[in-house]
Amino acid sequence: MSVDADGNETDTSLLTEKPADVAPLYLRVTTHDNKITRLAVDKIEEVEKDGKTLYKVTAKAPDLIQRNADNTLNEEYVHYFEKQKHTKVMYIIALTTL
């Protein structure tokens, strides 16, 4: 998600390129009991995982602690988004004479 100077939110999860400025970006996380938390994006990296190009988004917040798969604690939240491919659209115009 991104927020502009007027406070308007925009879904920016369909990234085709890495944003130059992550300051207005945040992750919006909804828990199983519908509580919404917003985490400020710290950095975005382009990574390869399982043969796919992904964006690794790292977010931080005060007092954030997350338990990792190996049962260790981490002070940041990481989420992966698949990089969207640029699609080329071709328009074919049929010219006819009357």
N, C-alpha and C. Protein backbone atom coordinates (compact mmCIF):
# COMPACT_ATOMS: atom_id res chain seq x y z
N MET A 1 0.85 -1.17 0.00
CA MET A 1 0.00 0.00 0.00
C MET A 1 0.89 1.24 0.00
N SER A 2 0.35 2.29 -0.57
CA SER A 2 1.04 3.56 -0.61
C SER A 2 0.07 4.64 -0.15
N VAL A 3 0.60 5.65 0.49
CA VAL A 3 -0.25 6.75 0.95
C VAL A 3 0.35 8.06 0.43
N ASP A 4 -0.51 8.92 -0.13
CA ASP A 4 -0.01 10.20 -0.64
C ASP A 4 -0.11 11.28 0.43
N ALA A 5 0.27 12.51 0.09
CA ALA A 5 0.30 13.62 1.04
C ALA A 5 -1.08 13.93 1.62
N ASP A 6 -2.14 13.60 0.88
CA ASP A 6 -3.51 13.86 1.35
C ASP A 6 -4.07 12.71 2.18
N GLY A 7 -3.29 11.63 2.34
CA GLY A 7 -3.74 10.49 3.12
C GLY A 7 -4.51 9.45 2.33
N ASN A 8 -4.54 9.57 1.01
CA ASN A 8 -5.24 8.61 0.17
C ASN A 8 -4.39 7.36 -0.02
N GLU A 9 -4.98 6.19 0.20
CA GLU A 9 -4.27 4.93 0.07
C GLU A 9 -4.45 4.35 -1.33
N THR A 10 -3.37 3.72 -1.85
CA THR A 10 -3.40 3.07 -3.15
C THR A 10 -2.75 1.71 -3.03
N ASP A 11 -3.38 0.68 -3.58
CA ASP A 11 -2.80 -0.66 -3.58
C ASP A 11 -1.67 -0.69 -4.61
N THR A 12 -0.46 -0.96 -4.14
CA THR A 12 0.70 -1.01 -5.03
C THR A 12 1.35 -2.39 -5.01
N SER A 13 0.57 -3.43 -4.77
CA SER A 13 1.13 -4.77 -4.66
C SER A 13 1.47 -5.39 -6.01
N LEU A 14 1.01 -4.82 -7.09
CA LEU A 14 1.33 -5.35 -8.42
C LEU A 14 2.51 -4.58 -9.00
N LEU A 15 3.68 -4.80 -8.43
CA LEU A 15 4.88 -4.07 -8.84
C LEU A 15 5.49 -4.67 -10.10
N THR A 16 5.86 -3.81 -11.03
CA THR A 16 6.59 -4.25 -12.22
C THR A 16 8.05 -3.83 -12.13
N GLU A 17 8.35 -2.89 -11.25
CA GLU A 17 9.72 -2.47 -11.01
C GLU A 17 9.87 -2.04 -9.56
N LYS A 18 11.11 -2.08 -9.09
CA LYS A 18 11.40 -1.73 -7.70
C LYS A 18 11.22 -0.23 -7.50
N PRO A 19 10.43 0.18 -6.52
CA PRO A 19 10.22 1.61 -6.28
C PRO A 19 11.50 2.29 -5.81
N ALA A 20 11.75 3.51 -6.28
CA ALA A 20 12.93 4.25 -5.87
C ALA A 20 12.79 4.77 -4.44
N ASP A 21 11.57 5.11 -4.04
CA ASP A 21 11.33 5.67 -2.71
C ASP A 21 10.34 4.79 -1.97
N VAL A 22 10.77 4.22 -0.85
CA VAL A 22 9.88 3.35 -0.07
C VAL A 22 9.22 4.10 1.09
N ALA A 23 9.52 5.39 1.26
CA ALA A 23 8.98 6.16 2.38
C ALA A 23 7.45 6.15 2.46
N PRO A 24 6.71 6.28 1.34
CA PRO A 24 5.25 6.29 1.46
C PRO A 24 4.62 4.89 1.47
N LEU A 25 5.44 3.84 1.45
CA LEU A 25 4.92 2.48 1.35
C LEU A 25 4.80 1.80 2.71
N TYR A 26 3.79 0.97 2.84
CA TYR A 26 3.63 0.15 4.05
C TYR A 26 2.92 -1.14 3.69
N LEU A 27 3.11 -2.14 4.54
CA LEU A 27 2.38 -3.40 4.40
C LEU A 27 1.16 -3.33 5.30
N ARG A 28 0.04 -3.72 4.77
CA ARG A 28 -1.20 -3.77 5.55
C ARG A 28 -1.48 -5.24 5.84
N VAL A 29 -1.38 -5.61 7.10
CA VAL A 29 -1.53 -6.99 7.53
C VAL A 29 -2.84 -7.13 8.30
N THR A 30 -3.67 -8.09 7.90
CA THR A 30 -4.92 -8.36 8.60
C THR A 30 -4.80 -9.70 9.30
N THR A 31 -5.08 -9.71 10.60
CA THR A 31 -4.97 -10.94 11.39
C THR A 31 -6.22 -11.79 11.23
N HIS A 32 -6.17 -12.98 11.80
CA HIS A 32 -7.31 -13.90 11.70
C HIS A 32 -8.57 -13.34 12.36
N ASP A 33 -8.41 -12.41 13.31
CA ASP A 33 -9.58 -11.81 13.95
C ASP A 33 -9.86 -10.39 13.41
N ASN A 34 -9.39 -10.15 12.18
CA ASN A 34 -9.66 -8.92 11.41
C ASN A 34 -9.08 -7.65 12.01
N LYS A 35 -8.01 -7.76 12.77
CA LYS A 35 -7.29 -6.57 13.23
C LYS A 35 -6.31 -6.18 12.13
N ILE A 36 -6.28 -4.90 11.80
CA ILE A 36 -5.40 -4.42 10.74
C ILE A 36 -4.20 -3.71 11.35
N THR A 37 -3.02 -4.09 10.89
CA THR A 37 -1.78 -3.47 11.33
C THR A 37 -1.06 -2.94 10.10
N ARG A 38 -0.50 -1.76 10.20
CA ARG A 38 0.27 -1.17 9.11
C ARG A 38 1.73 -1.13 9.53
N LEU A 39 2.59 -1.71 8.68
CA LEU A 39 4.02 -1.77 8.95
C LEU A 39 4.77 -0.97 7.89
N ALA A 40 5.60 -0.04 8.32
CA ALA A 40 6.38 0.78 7.40
C ALA A 40 7.39 -0.07 6.64
N VAL A 41 7.44 0.08 5.33
CA VAL A 41 8.39 -0.67 4.51
C VAL A 41 9.79 -0.08 4.71
N ASP A 42 10.73 -0.95 5.04
CA ASP A 42 12.12 -0.54 5.26
C ASP A 42 12.93 -0.66 3.97
N LYS A 43 12.71 -1.77 3.23
CA LYS A 43 13.44 -1.96 1.98
C LYS A 43 12.72 -2.96 1.10
N ILE A 44 13.00 -2.89 -0.20
CA ILE A 44 12.46 -3.83 -1.18
C ILE A 44 13.63 -4.34 -2.01
N GLU A 45 13.74 -5.66 -2.10
CA GLU A 45 14.81 -6.28 -2.87
C GLU A 45 14.21 -7.20 -3.92
N GLU A 46 14.85 -7.30 -5.06
CA GLU A 46 14.43 -8.24 -6.09
C GLU A 46 15.24 -9.52 -5.89
N VAL A 47 14.55 -10.66 -5.69
CA VAL A 47 15.22 -11.93 -5.42
C VAL A 47 14.67 -13.02 -6.32
N GLU A 48 15.43 -14.09 -6.46
CA GLU A 48 15.00 -15.29 -7.18
C GLU A 48 14.68 -16.36 -6.15
N LYS A 49 13.51 -16.97 -6.25
CA LYS A 49 13.12 -18.03 -5.32
C LYS A 49 12.27 -19.03 -6.09
N ASP A 50 12.67 -20.29 -6.06
CA ASP A 50 11.95 -21.35 -6.76
C ASP A 50 11.74 -21.04 -8.24
N GLY A 51 12.73 -20.41 -8.87
CA GLY A 51 12.66 -20.10 -10.29
C GLY A 51 11.80 -18.90 -10.65
N LYS A 52 11.32 -18.17 -9.66
CA LYS A 52 10.48 -17.00 -9.92
C LYS A 52 11.19 -15.74 -9.44
N THR A 53 10.92 -14.65 -10.11
CA THR A 53 11.44 -13.36 -9.68
C THR A 53 10.43 -12.75 -8.73
N LEU A 54 10.88 -12.47 -7.51
CA LEU A 54 10.01 -11.95 -6.46
C LEU A 54 10.57 -10.65 -5.90
N TYR A 55 9.69 -9.89 -5.28
CA TYR A 55 10.11 -8.74 -4.49
C TYR A 55 10.04 -9.16 -3.03
N LYS A 56 11.16 -9.02 -2.34
CA LYS A 56 11.22 -9.29 -0.90
C LYS A 56 11.03 -7.95 -0.21
N VAL A 57 9.89 -7.79 0.46
CA VAL A 57 9.56 -6.55 1.13
C VAL A 57 9.79 -6.74 2.62
N THR A 58 10.67 -5.91 3.18
CA THR A 58 10.99 -5.98 4.60
C THR A 58 10.37 -4.77 5.28
N ALA A 59 9.61 -5.02 6.33
CA ALA A 59 8.94 -3.95 7.07
C ALA A 59 9.36 -3.98 8.52
N LYS A 60 9.32 -2.81 9.14
CA LYS A 60 9.68 -2.69 10.55
C LYS A 60 8.63 -1.85 11.26
N ALA A 61 8.49 -2.09 12.55
CA ALA A 61 7.60 -1.29 13.38
C ALA A 61 8.12 -1.37 14.81
N PRO A 62 7.84 -0.35 15.62
CA PRO A 62 8.28 -0.40 17.02
C PRO A 62 7.68 -1.62 17.72
N ASP A 63 8.48 -2.30 18.49
CA ASP A 63 8.06 -3.46 19.29
C ASP A 63 7.56 -4.63 18.46
N LEU A 64 7.92 -4.70 17.19
CA LEU A 64 7.52 -5.83 16.35
C LEU A 64 8.45 -7.00 16.59
N ILE A 65 7.89 -8.14 16.91
CA ILE A 65 8.66 -9.37 17.07
C ILE A 65 7.91 -10.47 16.35
N GLN A 66 8.63 -11.18 15.49
CA GLN A 66 8.03 -12.27 14.72
C GLN A 66 8.82 -13.54 14.97
N ARG A 67 8.11 -14.64 15.16
CA ARG A 67 8.77 -15.93 15.33
C ARG A 67 8.98 -16.56 13.96
N ASN A 68 10.22 -16.94 13.69
CA ASN A 68 10.58 -17.55 12.41
C ASN A 68 10.33 -19.05 12.43
N ALA A 69 10.44 -19.67 11.26
CA ALA A 69 10.20 -21.11 11.12
C ALA A 69 11.18 -21.93 11.97
N ASP A 70 12.40 -21.40 12.16
CA ASP A 70 13.39 -22.13 12.97
C ASP A 70 13.29 -21.79 14.46
N ASN A 71 12.18 -21.18 14.88
CA ASN A 71 11.85 -20.87 16.26
C ASN A 71 12.74 -19.77 16.85
N THR A 72 13.33 -18.93 16.01
CA THR A 72 14.07 -17.77 16.48
C THR A 72 13.18 -16.54 16.33
N LEU A 73 13.55 -15.48 17.02
CA LEU A 73 12.76 -14.24 16.95
C LEU A 73 13.43 -13.24 16.02
N ASN A 74 12.61 -12.46 15.34
CA ASN A 74 13.10 -11.47 14.40
C ASN A 74 12.35 -10.17 14.63
N GLU A 75 13.02 -9.05 14.47
CA GLU A 75 12.40 -7.75 14.70
C GLU A 75 11.90 -7.10 13.41
N GLU A 76 11.76 -7.89 12.37
CA GLU A 76 11.23 -7.36 11.12
C GLU A 76 10.27 -8.38 10.50
N TYR A 77 9.43 -7.89 9.62
CA TYR A 77 8.44 -8.73 8.94
C TYR A 77 8.81 -8.76 7.46
N VAL A 78 8.85 -9.95 6.88
CA VAL A 78 9.21 -10.11 5.48
C VAL A 78 8.04 -10.72 4.73
N HIS A 79 7.73 -10.12 3.57
CA HIS A 79 6.66 -10.64 2.72
C HIS A 79 7.17 -10.63 1.28
N TYR A 80 6.74 -11.63 0.51
CA TYR A 80 7.18 -11.75 -0.89
C TYR A 80 6.00 -11.49 -1.82
N PHE A 81 6.26 -10.69 -2.86
CA PHE A 81 5.30 -10.44 -3.93
C PHE A 81 5.94 -10.91 -5.23
N GLU A 82 5.16 -11.55 -6.09
CA GLU A 82 5.70 -11.94 -7.39
C GLU A 82 5.81 -10.70 -8.28
N LYS A 83 6.94 -10.60 -8.96
CA LYS A 83 7.14 -9.48 -9.87
C LYS A 83 6.22 -9.66 -11.07
N GLN A 84 5.46 -8.63 -11.35
CA GLN A 84 4.54 -8.66 -12.48
C GLN A 84 5.32 -8.48 -13.77
N LYS A 85 4.95 -9.21 -14.78
CA LYS A 85 5.62 -9.13 -16.07
C LYS A 85 4.99 -8.03 -16.90
N HIS A 86 5.85 -7.32 -17.62
CA HIS A 86 5.33 -6.34 -18.59
C HIS A 86 4.68 -7.12 -19.71
N THR A 87 3.50 -6.73 -20.06
CA THR A 87 2.84 -7.40 -21.18
C THR A 87 2.75 -6.44 -22.35
N LYS A 88 3.01 -6.96 -23.50
CA LYS A 88 2.90 -6.15 -24.71
C LYS A 88 1.55 -6.42 -25.33
N VAL A 89 0.86 -5.37 -25.61
CA VAL A 89 -0.45 -5.49 -26.23
C VAL A 89 -0.31 -5.05 -27.68
N MET A 90 -0.75 -5.91 -28.55
CA MET A 90 -0.68 -5.58 -29.98
C MET A 90 -2.10 -5.35 -30.50
N TYR A 91 -2.25 -4.25 -31.16
CA TYR A 91 -3.54 -3.94 -31.76
C TYR A 91 -3.42 -4.13 -33.27
N ILE A 92 -4.32 -4.87 -33.82
CA ILE A 92 -4.32 -5.08 -35.26
C ILE A 92 -5.50 -4.32 -35.84
N ILE A 93 -5.19 -3.44 -36.73
CA ILE A 93 -6.24 -2.63 -37.34
C ILE A 93 -6.42 -3.12 -38.77
N ALA A 94 -7.63 -3.48 -39.09
CA ALA A 94 -7.93 -3.94 -40.45
C ALA A 94 -8.38 -2.75 -41.27
N LEU A 95 -7.67 -2.49 -42.33
CA LEU A 95 -8.04 -1.39 -43.22
C LEU A 95 -8.81 -1.96 -44.39
N THR A 96 -9.94 -1.41 -44.63
CA THR A 96 -10.74 -1.85 -45.78
C THR A 96 -11.09 -0.64 -46.63
N THR A 97 -11.27 -0.88 -47.88
CA THR A 97 -11.68 0.19 -48.77
C THR A 97 -13.15 -0.02 -49.12
N LEU A 98 -13.85 1.04 -49.19
CA LEU A 98 -15.27 0.95 -49.52
C LEU A 98 -15.50 1.16 -50.99
